[in-house]
Amino acid sequence: MDIWKELIDKLIQDLQIQNFSMLGKMIEWVSHENFLDVSHKATGGFGRTVYTANWVGGYIIEWDEHNQKFIRSGTCAVALKPLYNSNNPSEDFFKEVRSTFILTSESHLFVPLLYSITKSPDIGDHMLILDYMKSGDLGSFLRKKKGTSTWTERFSLLRDISLGLEQIHENDLLHKDLHPGNILTKTGNEWEICDMGFCGPANKDSVNEIFGNLQYVASE
């Protein structure tokens, strides 16, 4: 059995025990065959391409007691982010993936919803299935505004980033690679922090190594 699928199966059981009522945030294993119109969106860390796709059927909305089946959202747009060297992940990386799943399952107001994991037959890596932030990142927003953003927009941005970091830290996670490209918006008004803990290779213990965007890495 795929080692990642084992992780997802165990996580599904844990989340069902903790809070089965939050069906819209349930984790599940998703076959890559369920994605259509997969296309390049951007190039992230380690030169890995981030993709967009249409997820046929979509995520779980609720349980239909009468018909004994899950009701789904219907086809929806998602982002697919490959995990670097994911076929041989370290134990620490496994723990971080699990913690991040739990974070986005409990509350994702300021963190993009992480639906689950799939595996790409083309590149061989596993991929995170994320809520698609269609309005872009903070860097693009600032370049577009060119100093014309309002104080209301600035306050909203700083509030959302602060609350997002608070959620991450309350779950004993560290971001490790916070920069404008990892602060995204779906609507243009609300901001979310992405890529918690995924700035390093999956098969490396990052305690004694440095990963991330050089311009934003702390000097110490």
N, C-alpha and C. Protein backbone atom coordinates (compact mmCIF):
# COMPACT_ATOMS: atom_id res chain seq x y z
N MET A 1 0.84 -1.20 0.00
CA MET A 1 0.00 0.00 0.00
C MET A 1 0.88 1.25 0.00
N ASP A 2 0.45 2.30 -0.70
CA ASP A 2 1.15 3.57 -0.74
C ASP A 2 1.29 4.11 0.69
N ILE A 3 2.51 4.51 1.08
CA ILE A 3 2.76 4.95 2.45
C ILE A 3 1.97 6.22 2.78
N TRP A 4 1.77 7.08 1.77
CA TRP A 4 0.97 8.29 2.00
C TRP A 4 -0.50 7.94 2.17
N LYS A 5 -0.97 6.93 1.44
CA LYS A 5 -2.37 6.53 1.58
C LYS A 5 -2.61 5.98 2.98
N GLU A 6 -1.62 5.27 3.54
CA GLU A 6 -1.74 4.80 4.92
C GLU A 6 -1.88 5.98 5.88
N LEU A 7 -1.09 7.04 5.64
CA LEU A 7 -1.16 8.24 6.48
C LEU A 7 -2.55 8.86 6.40
N ILE A 8 -3.08 8.98 5.18
CA ILE A 8 -4.40 9.59 4.99
C ILE A 8 -5.47 8.74 5.66
N ASP A 9 -5.40 7.42 5.50
CA ASP A 9 -6.41 6.54 6.10
C ASP A 9 -6.43 6.68 7.62
N LYS A 10 -5.24 6.74 8.23
CA LYS A 10 -5.15 6.90 9.69
C LYS A 10 -5.69 8.26 10.11
N LEU A 11 -5.37 9.28 9.33
CA LEU A 11 -5.82 10.63 9.64
C LEU A 11 -7.33 10.75 9.54
N ILE A 12 -7.92 10.11 8.54
CA ILE A 12 -9.38 10.11 8.39
C ILE A 12 -10.03 9.56 9.65
N GLN A 13 -9.51 8.45 10.16
CA GLN A 13 -10.05 7.84 11.37
C GLN A 13 -9.94 8.79 12.56
N ASP A 14 -8.77 9.44 12.70
CA ASP A 14 -8.56 10.36 13.82
C ASP A 14 -9.53 11.53 13.77
N LEU A 15 -9.69 12.12 12.59
CA LEU A 15 -10.55 13.29 12.46
C LEU A 15 -12.02 12.94 12.64
N GLN A 16 -12.40 11.74 12.22
CA GLN A 16 -13.78 11.31 12.42
C GLN A 16 -14.09 11.17 13.91
N ILE A 17 -13.11 10.65 14.65
CA ILE A 17 -13.29 10.49 16.09
C ILE A 17 -13.36 11.86 16.77
N GLN A 18 -12.50 12.80 16.33
CA GLN A 18 -12.42 14.11 16.97
C GLN A 18 -13.62 14.99 16.67
N ASN A 19 -14.06 14.99 15.41
CA ASN A 19 -15.16 15.89 15.05
C ASN A 19 -15.77 15.46 13.73
N PHE A 20 -16.65 14.47 13.77
CA PHE A 20 -17.26 13.94 12.56
C PHE A 20 -18.23 14.93 11.93
N SER A 21 -18.69 15.94 12.70
CA SER A 21 -19.67 16.88 12.17
C SER A 21 -19.09 17.81 11.11
N MET A 22 -17.75 17.92 11.06
CA MET A 22 -17.13 18.85 10.11
C MET A 22 -16.84 18.13 8.80
N LEU A 23 -17.88 17.58 8.17
CA LEU A 23 -17.69 16.76 6.98
C LEU A 23 -17.10 17.53 5.82
N GLY A 24 -17.42 18.81 5.73
CA GLY A 24 -16.89 19.61 4.63
C GLY A 24 -15.39 19.76 4.67
N LYS A 25 -14.76 19.37 5.78
CA LYS A 25 -13.31 19.47 5.91
C LYS A 25 -12.68 18.09 6.10
N MET A 26 -13.40 17.04 5.79
CA MET A 26 -12.85 15.70 5.95
C MET A 26 -11.73 15.43 4.95
N ILE A 27 -10.73 14.73 5.43
CA ILE A 27 -9.60 14.35 4.59
C ILE A 27 -9.92 13.03 3.90
N GLU A 28 -9.54 12.91 2.65
CA GLU A 28 -9.73 11.65 1.93
C GLU A 28 -8.62 11.50 0.89
N TRP A 29 -8.36 10.25 0.53
CA TRP A 29 -7.41 9.98 -0.55
C TRP A 29 -8.12 10.20 -1.87
N VAL A 30 -7.48 10.93 -2.81
CA VAL A 30 -8.11 11.26 -4.08
C VAL A 30 -7.25 10.73 -5.23
N SER A 31 -7.84 9.94 -6.10
CA SER A 31 -7.13 9.44 -7.27
C SER A 31 -6.88 10.58 -8.25
N HIS A 32 -5.69 10.58 -8.86
CA HIS A 32 -5.34 11.64 -9.80
C HIS A 32 -6.26 11.63 -11.02
N GLU A 33 -6.93 10.52 -11.26
CA GLU A 33 -7.85 10.43 -12.39
C GLU A 33 -9.05 11.36 -12.22
N ASN A 34 -9.27 11.85 -11.00
CA ASN A 34 -10.41 12.73 -10.74
C ASN A 34 -10.13 14.19 -11.09
N PHE A 35 -8.95 14.48 -11.64
CA PHE A 35 -8.61 15.86 -11.99
C PHE A 35 -8.56 16.05 -13.50
N LEU A 36 -9.23 17.10 -13.97
CA LEU A 36 -9.25 17.44 -15.38
C LEU A 36 -8.64 18.83 -15.58
N ASP A 37 -8.21 19.09 -16.82
CA ASP A 37 -7.67 20.41 -17.19
C ASP A 37 -6.52 20.82 -16.28
N VAL A 38 -5.63 19.90 -16.00
CA VAL A 38 -4.45 20.20 -15.17
C VAL A 38 -3.51 21.10 -15.96
N SER A 39 -3.15 22.25 -15.40
CA SER A 39 -2.30 23.18 -16.13
C SER A 39 -1.34 23.89 -15.19
N HIS A 40 -0.24 24.40 -15.75
CA HIS A 40 0.77 25.10 -14.98
C HIS A 40 0.22 26.42 -14.46
N LYS A 41 0.50 26.70 -13.18
CA LYS A 41 0.09 27.97 -12.58
C LYS A 41 1.29 28.83 -12.23
N ALA A 42 2.25 28.25 -11.52
CA ALA A 42 3.42 29.01 -11.09
C ALA A 42 4.54 28.04 -10.77
N THR A 43 5.74 28.57 -10.58
CA THR A 43 6.89 27.76 -10.18
C THR A 43 7.26 28.14 -8.76
N GLY A 44 7.23 27.15 -7.88
CA GLY A 44 7.51 27.40 -6.47
C GLY A 44 8.92 27.01 -6.10
N GLY A 45 9.12 26.71 -4.80
CA GLY A 45 10.42 26.32 -4.29
C GLY A 45 10.95 25.07 -4.97
N PHE A 46 12.28 24.99 -5.11
CA PHE A 46 12.97 23.86 -5.74
C PHE A 46 12.59 23.71 -7.21
N GLY A 47 12.03 24.77 -7.83
CA GLY A 47 11.68 24.72 -9.24
C GLY A 47 10.47 23.87 -9.52
N ARG A 48 9.73 23.49 -8.48
CA ARG A 48 8.56 22.65 -8.66
C ARG A 48 7.38 23.48 -9.16
N THR A 49 6.69 22.95 -10.15
CA THR A 49 5.54 23.62 -10.71
C THR A 49 4.32 23.44 -9.83
N VAL A 50 3.58 24.52 -9.61
CA VAL A 50 2.28 24.45 -8.95
C VAL A 50 1.23 24.44 -10.04
N TYR A 51 0.28 23.51 -9.94
CA TYR A 51 -0.72 23.33 -10.98
C TYR A 51 -2.10 23.76 -10.50
N THR A 52 -2.96 24.07 -11.46
CA THR A 52 -4.39 24.22 -11.18
C THR A 52 -5.12 23.10 -11.92
N ALA A 53 -6.28 22.73 -11.40
CA ALA A 53 -7.05 21.65 -12.02
C ALA A 53 -8.50 21.75 -11.60
N ASN A 54 -9.36 21.07 -12.32
CA ASN A 54 -10.76 20.93 -11.93
C ASN A 54 -10.95 19.56 -11.29
N TRP A 55 -11.41 19.55 -10.06
CA TRP A 55 -11.63 18.31 -9.32
C TRP A 55 -13.05 17.83 -9.57
N VAL A 56 -13.18 16.77 -10.34
CA VAL A 56 -14.49 16.23 -10.69
C VAL A 56 -15.16 15.64 -9.44
N GLY A 57 -16.36 16.06 -9.16
CA GLY A 57 -17.06 15.60 -7.97
C GLY A 57 -16.85 16.52 -6.79
N GLY A 58 -15.60 16.98 -6.61
CA GLY A 58 -15.30 17.93 -5.55
C GLY A 58 -15.24 17.32 -4.16
N TYR A 59 -15.20 18.19 -3.17
CA TYR A 59 -15.03 17.78 -1.78
C TYR A 59 -16.37 17.46 -1.11
N ILE A 60 -16.29 16.83 0.05
CA ILE A 60 -17.48 16.41 0.79
C ILE A 60 -18.17 17.61 1.45
N ILE A 61 -19.48 17.69 1.26
CA ILE A 61 -20.29 18.74 1.89
C ILE A 61 -20.97 18.21 3.15
N GLU A 62 -21.67 17.09 3.01
CA GLU A 62 -22.40 16.52 4.14
C GLU A 62 -22.75 15.07 3.86
N TRP A 63 -23.26 14.41 4.88
CA TRP A 63 -23.68 13.02 4.78
C TRP A 63 -25.18 12.95 4.52
N ASP A 64 -25.57 12.24 3.45
CA ASP A 64 -26.98 12.05 3.12
C ASP A 64 -27.47 10.80 3.85
N GLU A 65 -28.17 11.00 4.96
CA GLU A 65 -28.61 9.88 5.78
C GLU A 65 -29.59 8.99 5.03
N HIS A 66 -30.46 9.59 4.23
CA HIS A 66 -31.49 8.82 3.52
C HIS A 66 -30.88 7.89 2.49
N ASN A 67 -29.93 8.41 1.70
CA ASN A 67 -29.32 7.62 0.64
C ASN A 67 -28.01 6.96 1.05
N GLN A 68 -27.59 7.23 2.30
CA GLN A 68 -26.38 6.62 2.85
C GLN A 68 -25.15 6.87 1.96
N LYS A 69 -24.93 8.14 1.66
CA LYS A 69 -23.75 8.50 0.87
C LYS A 69 -23.39 9.96 1.12
N PHE A 70 -22.16 10.32 0.77
CA PHE A 70 -21.72 11.70 0.93
C PHE A 70 -22.26 12.57 -0.20
N ILE A 71 -22.64 13.79 0.15
CA ILE A 71 -22.99 14.80 -0.85
C ILE A 71 -21.75 15.65 -1.08
N ARG A 72 -21.39 15.86 -2.34
CA ARG A 72 -20.17 16.59 -2.67
C ARG A 72 -20.46 17.96 -3.26
N SER A 73 -19.43 18.78 -3.31
CA SER A 73 -19.56 20.16 -3.76
C SER A 73 -19.85 20.27 -5.25
N GLY A 74 -19.49 19.23 -6.00
CA GLY A 74 -19.51 19.34 -7.45
C GLY A 74 -18.14 19.77 -7.93
N THR A 75 -17.91 19.71 -9.21
CA THR A 75 -16.60 20.03 -9.77
C THR A 75 -16.15 21.42 -9.34
N CYS A 76 -14.91 21.51 -8.86
CA CYS A 76 -14.40 22.80 -8.38
C CYS A 76 -12.92 22.94 -8.73
N ALA A 77 -12.46 24.19 -8.75
CA ALA A 77 -11.06 24.47 -9.05
C ALA A 77 -10.21 24.29 -7.80
N VAL A 78 -9.05 23.65 -7.97
CA VAL A 78 -8.12 23.44 -6.86
C VAL A 78 -6.70 23.70 -7.35
N ALA A 79 -5.79 23.85 -6.40
CA ALA A 79 -4.36 23.95 -6.70
C ALA A 79 -3.70 22.63 -6.32
N LEU A 80 -2.76 22.17 -7.13
CA LEU A 80 -2.02 20.94 -6.87
C LEU A 80 -0.55 21.30 -6.69
N LYS A 81 -0.02 21.02 -5.50
CA LYS A 81 1.37 21.37 -5.20
C LYS A 81 2.20 20.11 -4.95
N PRO A 82 3.15 19.80 -5.85
CA PRO A 82 3.99 18.61 -5.66
C PRO A 82 4.83 18.70 -4.39
N LEU A 83 5.02 17.55 -3.74
CA LEU A 83 5.89 17.45 -2.57
C LEU A 83 7.23 16.90 -3.02
N TYR A 84 8.28 17.67 -2.80
CA TYR A 84 9.62 17.32 -3.26
C TYR A 84 10.14 16.05 -2.58
N ASN A 85 10.61 15.08 -3.39
CA ASN A 85 11.14 13.82 -2.87
C ASN A 85 10.17 13.12 -1.92
N SER A 86 8.90 13.10 -2.28
CA SER A 86 7.88 12.63 -1.34
C SER A 86 7.78 11.11 -1.24
N ASN A 87 8.49 10.39 -2.08
CA ASN A 87 8.40 8.93 -2.01
C ASN A 87 9.23 8.35 -0.87
N ASN A 88 10.08 9.18 -0.25
CA ASN A 88 10.90 8.71 0.86
C ASN A 88 10.94 9.77 1.96
N PRO A 89 9.77 10.09 2.56
CA PRO A 89 9.70 11.18 3.52
C PRO A 89 10.31 10.83 4.87
N SER A 90 10.81 11.86 5.55
CA SER A 90 11.34 11.67 6.90
C SER A 90 10.19 11.59 7.89
N GLU A 91 10.47 11.07 9.09
CA GLU A 91 9.45 10.97 10.13
C GLU A 91 8.96 12.35 10.56
N ASP A 92 9.88 13.31 10.65
CA ASP A 92 9.51 14.67 11.05
C ASP A 92 8.57 15.30 10.03
N PHE A 93 8.83 15.03 8.76
CA PHE A 93 7.98 15.60 7.72
C PHE A 93 6.57 15.01 7.80
N PHE A 94 6.49 13.69 8.05
CA PHE A 94 5.20 13.04 8.24
C PHE A 94 4.40 13.74 9.35
N LYS A 95 5.08 13.99 10.49
CA LYS A 95 4.41 14.62 11.62
C LYS A 95 3.90 16.01 11.25
N GLU A 96 4.69 16.73 10.45
CA GLU A 96 4.31 18.09 10.08
C GLU A 96 3.12 18.09 9.12
N VAL A 97 3.11 17.14 8.19
CA VAL A 97 1.98 17.02 7.28
C VAL A 97 0.71 16.75 8.08
N ARG A 98 0.81 15.84 9.02
CA ARG A 98 -0.36 15.48 9.83
C ARG A 98 -0.85 16.68 10.64
N SER A 99 0.07 17.43 11.25
CA SER A 99 -0.30 18.60 12.04
C SER A 99 -0.98 19.65 11.17
N THR A 100 -0.49 19.81 9.94
CA THR A 100 -1.06 20.80 9.04
C THR A 100 -2.44 20.40 8.58
N PHE A 101 -2.65 19.11 8.32
CA PHE A 101 -3.99 18.62 8.00
C PHE A 101 -4.96 18.97 9.13
N ILE A 102 -4.54 18.71 10.35
CA ILE A 102 -5.40 18.96 11.50
C ILE A 102 -5.68 20.46 11.63
N LEU A 103 -4.67 21.30 11.42
CA LEU A 103 -4.84 22.74 11.48
C LEU A 103 -5.91 23.21 10.50
N THR A 104 -5.82 22.79 9.25
CA THR A 104 -6.76 23.26 8.24
C THR A 104 -8.11 22.58 8.35
N SER A 105 -8.18 21.47 9.07
CA SER A 105 -9.46 20.81 9.27
C SER A 105 -10.24 21.46 10.40
N GLU A 106 -9.52 22.00 11.39
CA GLU A 106 -10.17 22.63 12.53
C GLU A 106 -10.60 24.06 12.23
N SER A 107 -9.73 24.80 11.59
CA SER A 107 -10.04 26.20 11.29
C SER A 107 -9.11 26.67 10.18
N HIS A 108 -9.70 27.16 9.10
CA HIS A 108 -8.85 27.57 7.98
C HIS A 108 -9.19 28.97 7.50
N LEU A 109 -9.65 29.83 8.43
CA LEU A 109 -10.02 31.18 8.04
C LEU A 109 -8.85 31.94 7.42
N PHE A 110 -7.64 31.71 7.91
CA PHE A 110 -6.49 32.45 7.42
C PHE A 110 -5.40 31.52 6.87
N VAL A 111 -5.79 30.29 6.59
CA VAL A 111 -4.89 29.30 6.00
C VAL A 111 -5.67 28.57 4.91
N PRO A 112 -5.15 28.48 3.67
CA PRO A 112 -5.89 27.81 2.60
C PRO A 112 -6.25 26.37 2.98
N LEU A 113 -7.47 25.99 2.70
CA LEU A 113 -7.94 24.66 3.04
C LEU A 113 -7.14 23.60 2.29
N LEU A 114 -6.60 22.65 3.04
CA LEU A 114 -5.85 21.53 2.47
C LEU A 114 -6.79 20.34 2.43
N TYR A 115 -7.23 19.96 1.22
CA TYR A 115 -8.22 18.90 1.09
C TYR A 115 -7.62 17.52 1.35
N SER A 116 -6.50 17.22 0.70
CA SER A 116 -5.92 15.89 0.86
C SER A 116 -4.64 15.77 0.04
N ILE A 117 -4.30 14.54 -0.29
CA ILE A 117 -3.11 14.25 -1.09
C ILE A 117 -3.49 13.32 -2.23
N THR A 118 -2.88 13.55 -3.38
CA THR A 118 -3.01 12.66 -4.51
C THR A 118 -1.60 12.35 -5.01
N LYS A 119 -1.49 11.51 -5.99
CA LYS A 119 -0.17 11.19 -6.56
C LYS A 119 -0.22 11.35 -8.06
N SER A 120 0.74 12.10 -8.59
CA SER A 120 0.81 12.33 -10.02
C SER A 120 1.49 11.17 -10.73
N PRO A 121 0.82 10.54 -11.70
CA PRO A 121 1.46 9.46 -12.45
C PRO A 121 2.54 9.98 -13.39
N ASP A 122 2.52 11.27 -13.70
CA ASP A 122 3.47 11.85 -14.65
C ASP A 122 4.81 12.17 -14.02
N ILE A 123 4.79 12.84 -12.85
CA ILE A 123 6.05 13.24 -12.22
C ILE A 123 6.46 12.31 -11.08
N GLY A 124 5.54 11.43 -10.66
CA GLY A 124 5.87 10.44 -9.64
C GLY A 124 5.81 10.94 -8.22
N ASP A 125 5.62 12.23 -8.02
CA ASP A 125 5.55 12.80 -6.67
C ASP A 125 4.11 12.86 -6.18
N HIS A 126 3.97 12.87 -4.86
CA HIS A 126 2.67 13.12 -4.26
C HIS A 126 2.40 14.62 -4.30
N MET A 127 1.12 14.99 -4.28
CA MET A 127 0.74 16.39 -4.42
C MET A 127 -0.30 16.78 -3.38
N LEU A 128 -0.14 17.96 -2.81
CA LEU A 128 -1.15 18.51 -1.92
C LEU A 128 -2.31 19.04 -2.76
N ILE A 129 -3.53 18.78 -2.31
CA ILE A 129 -4.73 19.32 -2.96
C ILE A 129 -5.21 20.48 -2.11
N LEU A 130 -5.10 21.69 -2.64
CA LEU A 130 -5.36 22.91 -1.88
C LEU A 130 -6.49 23.73 -2.48
N ASP A 131 -7.14 24.51 -1.64
CA ASP A 131 -8.11 25.48 -2.11
C ASP A 131 -7.40 26.44 -3.06
N TYR A 132 -8.00 26.74 -4.20
CA TYR A 132 -7.36 27.58 -5.21
C TYR A 132 -7.56 29.05 -4.89
N MET A 133 -6.45 29.75 -4.66
CA MET A 133 -6.48 31.19 -4.37
C MET A 133 -6.37 31.96 -5.69
N LYS A 134 -7.50 32.18 -6.33
CA LYS A 134 -7.53 32.67 -7.71
C LYS A 134 -7.09 34.12 -7.89
N SER A 135 -7.09 34.91 -6.81
CA SER A 135 -6.74 36.33 -6.95
C SER A 135 -5.26 36.62 -6.74
N GLY A 136 -4.44 35.58 -6.54
CA GLY A 136 -3.00 35.76 -6.53
C GLY A 136 -2.37 36.00 -5.17
N ASP A 137 -1.09 36.42 -5.20
CA ASP A 137 -0.32 36.57 -3.96
C ASP A 137 -0.09 38.03 -3.60
N LEU A 138 0.49 38.23 -2.42
CA LEU A 138 0.72 39.58 -1.91
C LEU A 138 1.69 40.36 -2.80
N GLY A 139 2.71 39.69 -3.32
CA GLY A 139 3.66 40.37 -4.18
C GLY A 139 2.98 40.98 -5.40
N SER A 140 2.10 40.21 -6.04
CA SER A 140 1.37 40.71 -7.21
C SER A 140 0.45 41.86 -6.82
N PHE A 141 -0.18 41.74 -5.66
CA PHE A 141 -1.08 42.79 -5.17
C PHE A 141 -0.34 44.11 -4.98
N LEU A 142 0.84 44.04 -4.35
CA LEU A 142 1.62 45.25 -4.08
C LEU A 142 2.13 45.88 -5.37
N ARG A 143 2.55 45.04 -6.33
CA ARG A 143 3.02 45.58 -7.62
C ARG A 143 1.88 46.27 -8.37
N LYS A 144 0.69 45.70 -8.27
CA LYS A 144 -0.47 46.27 -8.94
C LYS A 144 -0.88 47.59 -8.30
N LYS A 145 -0.85 47.65 -6.98
CA LYS A 145 -1.27 48.85 -6.25
C LYS A 145 -0.25 49.99 -6.38
N LYS A 146 1.02 49.66 -6.42
CA LYS A 146 2.09 50.66 -6.54
C LYS A 146 1.94 51.80 -5.53
N GLY A 147 1.73 51.43 -4.28
CA GLY A 147 1.65 52.42 -3.22
C GLY A 147 0.31 53.10 -3.07
N THR A 148 -0.71 52.63 -3.78
CA THR A 148 -2.03 53.28 -3.73
C THR A 148 -3.02 52.53 -2.84
N SER A 149 -2.58 51.50 -2.14
CA SER A 149 -3.50 50.74 -1.28
C SER A 149 -4.02 51.64 -0.15
N THR A 150 -5.26 51.41 0.25
CA THR A 150 -5.88 52.21 1.30
C THR A 150 -5.45 51.70 2.67
N TRP A 151 -5.67 52.54 3.69
CA TRP A 151 -5.36 52.10 5.05
C TRP A 151 -6.25 50.95 5.48
N THR A 152 -7.46 50.91 4.97
CA THR A 152 -8.36 49.79 5.26
C THR A 152 -7.80 48.49 4.71
N GLU A 153 -7.28 48.53 3.47
CA GLU A 153 -6.68 47.35 2.86
C GLU A 153 -5.45 46.91 3.63
N ARG A 154 -4.64 47.86 4.06
CA ARG A 154 -3.42 47.54 4.80
C ARG A 154 -3.75 46.92 6.16
N PHE A 155 -4.72 47.50 6.83
CA PHE A 155 -5.12 46.96 8.13
C PHE A 155 -5.66 45.54 7.98
N SER A 156 -6.50 45.32 6.97
CA SER A 156 -7.08 44.00 6.73
C SER A 156 -5.99 42.97 6.44
N LEU A 157 -5.01 43.37 5.63
CA LEU A 157 -3.90 42.49 5.29
C LEU A 157 -3.09 42.11 6.52
N LEU A 158 -2.70 43.10 7.32
CA LEU A 158 -1.90 42.83 8.52
C LEU A 158 -2.68 42.00 9.54
N ARG A 159 -3.98 42.28 9.67
CA ARG A 159 -4.82 41.50 10.59
C ARG A 159 -4.86 40.04 10.19
N ASP A 160 -5.10 39.78 8.90
CA ASP A 160 -5.23 38.40 8.43
C ASP A 160 -3.92 37.64 8.58
N ILE A 161 -2.79 38.29 8.27
CA ILE A 161 -1.49 37.64 8.42
C ILE A 161 -1.22 37.32 9.89
N SER A 162 -1.52 38.28 10.77
CA SER A 162 -1.30 38.07 12.20
C SER A 162 -2.14 36.93 12.74
N LEU A 163 -3.42 36.88 12.35
CA LEU A 163 -4.30 35.82 12.82
C LEU A 163 -3.91 34.47 12.23
N GLY A 164 -3.43 34.48 10.98
CA GLY A 164 -2.97 33.24 10.37
C GLY A 164 -1.76 32.68 11.10
N LEU A 165 -0.80 33.54 11.41
CA LEU A 165 0.39 33.11 12.16
C LEU A 165 0.00 32.62 13.56
N GLU A 166 -0.98 33.30 14.16
CA GLU A 166 -1.44 32.87 15.49
C GLU A 166 -2.00 31.45 15.43
N GLN A 167 -2.81 31.16 14.40
CA GLN A 167 -3.36 29.81 14.25
C GLN A 167 -2.25 28.78 14.08
N ILE A 168 -1.26 29.12 13.26
CA ILE A 168 -0.15 28.21 13.00
C ILE A 168 0.63 27.94 14.29
N HIS A 169 0.97 28.99 15.02
CA HIS A 169 1.77 28.85 16.24
C HIS A 169 1.01 28.14 17.35
N GLU A 170 -0.30 28.36 17.43
CA GLU A 170 -1.10 27.68 18.45
C GLU A 170 -1.15 26.18 18.23
N ASN A 171 -0.86 25.74 17.01
CA ASN A 171 -0.82 24.32 16.70
C ASN A 171 0.61 23.77 16.69
N ASP A 172 1.53 24.54 17.33
CA ASP A 172 2.93 24.12 17.46
C ASP A 172 3.61 23.91 16.12
N LEU A 173 3.27 24.75 15.15
CA LEU A 173 3.90 24.71 13.84
C LEU A 173 4.69 25.99 13.62
N LEU A 174 5.70 25.90 12.77
CA LEU A 174 6.46 27.07 12.33
C LEU A 174 6.34 27.15 10.82
N HIS A 175 6.23 28.37 10.30
CA HIS A 175 6.05 28.50 8.86
C HIS A 175 7.33 28.18 8.11
N LYS A 176 8.45 28.75 8.53
CA LYS A 176 9.79 28.49 7.97
C LYS A 176 10.09 29.22 6.67
N ASP A 177 9.09 29.71 5.94
CA ASP A 177 9.38 30.33 4.64
C ASP A 177 8.34 31.41 4.32
N LEU A 178 8.12 32.34 5.24
CA LEU A 178 7.09 33.36 5.05
C LEU A 178 7.62 34.49 4.17
N HIS A 179 6.97 34.72 3.05
CA HIS A 179 7.31 35.81 2.14
C HIS A 179 6.07 36.16 1.31
N PRO A 180 6.06 37.26 0.55
CA PRO A 180 4.86 37.69 -0.17
C PRO A 180 4.26 36.64 -1.10
N GLY A 181 5.08 35.76 -1.64
CA GLY A 181 4.57 34.72 -2.54
C GLY A 181 3.77 33.65 -1.83
N ASN A 182 3.90 33.58 -0.49
CA ASN A 182 3.18 32.59 0.30
C ASN A 182 2.00 33.19 1.07
N ILE A 183 1.65 34.42 0.74
CA ILE A 183 0.47 35.07 1.31
C ILE A 183 -0.51 35.29 0.16
N LEU A 184 -1.61 34.56 0.17
CA LEU A 184 -2.50 34.50 -0.98
C LEU A 184 -3.90 35.02 -0.66
N THR A 185 -4.64 35.35 -1.72
CA THR A 185 -6.01 35.80 -1.55
C THR A 185 -6.91 35.15 -2.60
N LYS A 186 -8.10 34.79 -2.18
CA LYS A 186 -9.08 34.20 -3.09
C LYS A 186 -10.05 35.26 -3.60
N THR A 187 -10.30 36.27 -2.79
CA THR A 187 -11.30 37.29 -3.12
C THR A 187 -10.70 38.67 -3.36
N GLY A 188 -9.45 38.86 -2.94
CA GLY A 188 -8.85 40.18 -3.02
C GLY A 188 -9.03 40.98 -1.75
N ASN A 189 -9.86 40.48 -0.84
CA ASN A 189 -10.15 41.18 0.41
C ASN A 189 -9.67 40.44 1.65
N GLU A 190 -9.57 39.12 1.57
CA GLU A 190 -9.16 38.30 2.70
C GLU A 190 -7.89 37.54 2.33
N TRP A 191 -6.93 37.50 3.27
CA TRP A 191 -5.62 36.94 2.99
C TRP A 191 -5.37 35.68 3.81
N GLU A 192 -4.65 34.73 3.19
CA GLU A 192 -4.36 33.46 3.84
C GLU A 192 -2.89 33.10 3.64
N ILE A 193 -2.33 32.39 4.61
CA ILE A 193 -0.92 31.99 4.58
C ILE A 193 -0.82 30.54 4.11
N CYS A 194 0.01 30.30 3.12
CA CYS A 194 0.15 28.93 2.61
C CYS A 194 1.56 28.40 2.85
N ASP A 195 1.75 27.13 2.51
CA ASP A 195 3.07 26.47 2.57
C ASP A 195 3.66 26.37 3.96
N MET A 196 2.83 26.03 4.96
CA MET A 196 3.39 25.83 6.29
C MET A 196 4.26 24.58 6.33
N GLY A 197 5.57 24.79 6.57
CA GLY A 197 6.44 23.65 6.80
C GLY A 197 6.83 22.86 5.58
N PHE A 198 6.41 23.30 4.38
CA PHE A 198 6.72 22.52 3.19
C PHE A 198 7.82 23.16 2.34
N CYS A 199 8.63 24.02 2.95
CA CYS A 199 9.67 24.68 2.18
C CYS A 199 10.90 23.80 2.02
N GLY A 200 11.01 22.72 2.76
CA GLY A 200 12.14 21.81 2.66
C GLY A 200 11.77 20.50 2.01
N PRO A 201 12.75 19.74 1.53
CA PRO A 201 12.46 18.44 0.93
C PRO A 201 11.81 17.50 1.93
N ALA A 202 10.94 16.63 1.44
CA ALA A 202 10.20 15.72 2.33
C ALA A 202 11.09 14.66 2.95
N ASN A 203 12.24 14.37 2.33
CA ASN A 203 13.09 13.31 2.85
C ASN A 203 14.26 13.85 3.66
N LYS A 204 14.18 15.12 4.08
CA LYS A 204 15.26 15.73 4.85
C LYS A 204 14.76 16.18 6.21
N ASP A 205 15.62 16.01 7.23
CA ASP A 205 15.35 16.60 8.53
C ASP A 205 15.95 17.99 8.50
N SER A 206 15.10 19.02 8.60
CA SER A 206 15.54 20.40 8.35
C SER A 206 16.17 21.08 9.56
N VAL A 207 16.39 20.34 10.67
CA VAL A 207 16.91 20.97 11.88
C VAL A 207 18.25 21.65 11.63
N ASN A 208 19.15 21.00 10.89
CA ASN A 208 20.48 21.53 10.68
C ASN A 208 20.69 22.05 9.26
N GLU A 209 19.61 22.29 8.53
CA GLU A 209 19.72 22.78 7.17
C GLU A 209 18.84 24.00 6.98
N ILE A 210 19.18 24.80 5.98
CA ILE A 210 18.44 26.02 5.69
C ILE A 210 17.69 25.87 4.38
N PHE A 211 16.38 26.10 4.42
CA PHE A 211 15.56 26.08 3.23
C PHE A 211 14.71 27.35 3.21
N GLY A 212 14.29 27.75 2.03
CA GLY A 212 13.40 28.89 1.94
C GLY A 212 13.86 29.92 0.94
N ASN A 213 13.15 31.03 0.87
CA ASN A 213 13.42 32.13 -0.03
C ASN A 213 14.50 33.01 0.60
N LEU A 214 15.68 33.08 -0.04
CA LEU A 214 16.86 33.69 0.57
C LEU A 214 16.63 35.11 1.05
N GLN A 215 15.87 35.91 0.28
CA GLN A 215 15.65 37.31 0.65
C GLN A 215 14.89 37.45 1.97
N TYR A 216 14.18 36.39 2.38
CA TYR A 216 13.33 36.48 3.57
C TYR A 216 13.78 35.54 4.68
N VAL A 217 14.93 34.90 4.54
CA VAL A 217 15.46 34.02 5.58
C VAL A 217 16.12 34.86 6.66
N ALA A 218 15.81 34.59 7.93
CA ALA A 218 16.40 35.35 9.04
C ALA A 218 17.92 35.18 9.05
N SER A 219 18.63 36.27 9.32
CA SER A 219 20.09 36.25 9.25
C SER A 219 20.73 35.30 10.24
N GLU A 220 20.08 35.08 11.40
CA GLU A 220 20.68 34.20 12.41
C GLU A 220 20.59 32.75 11.99
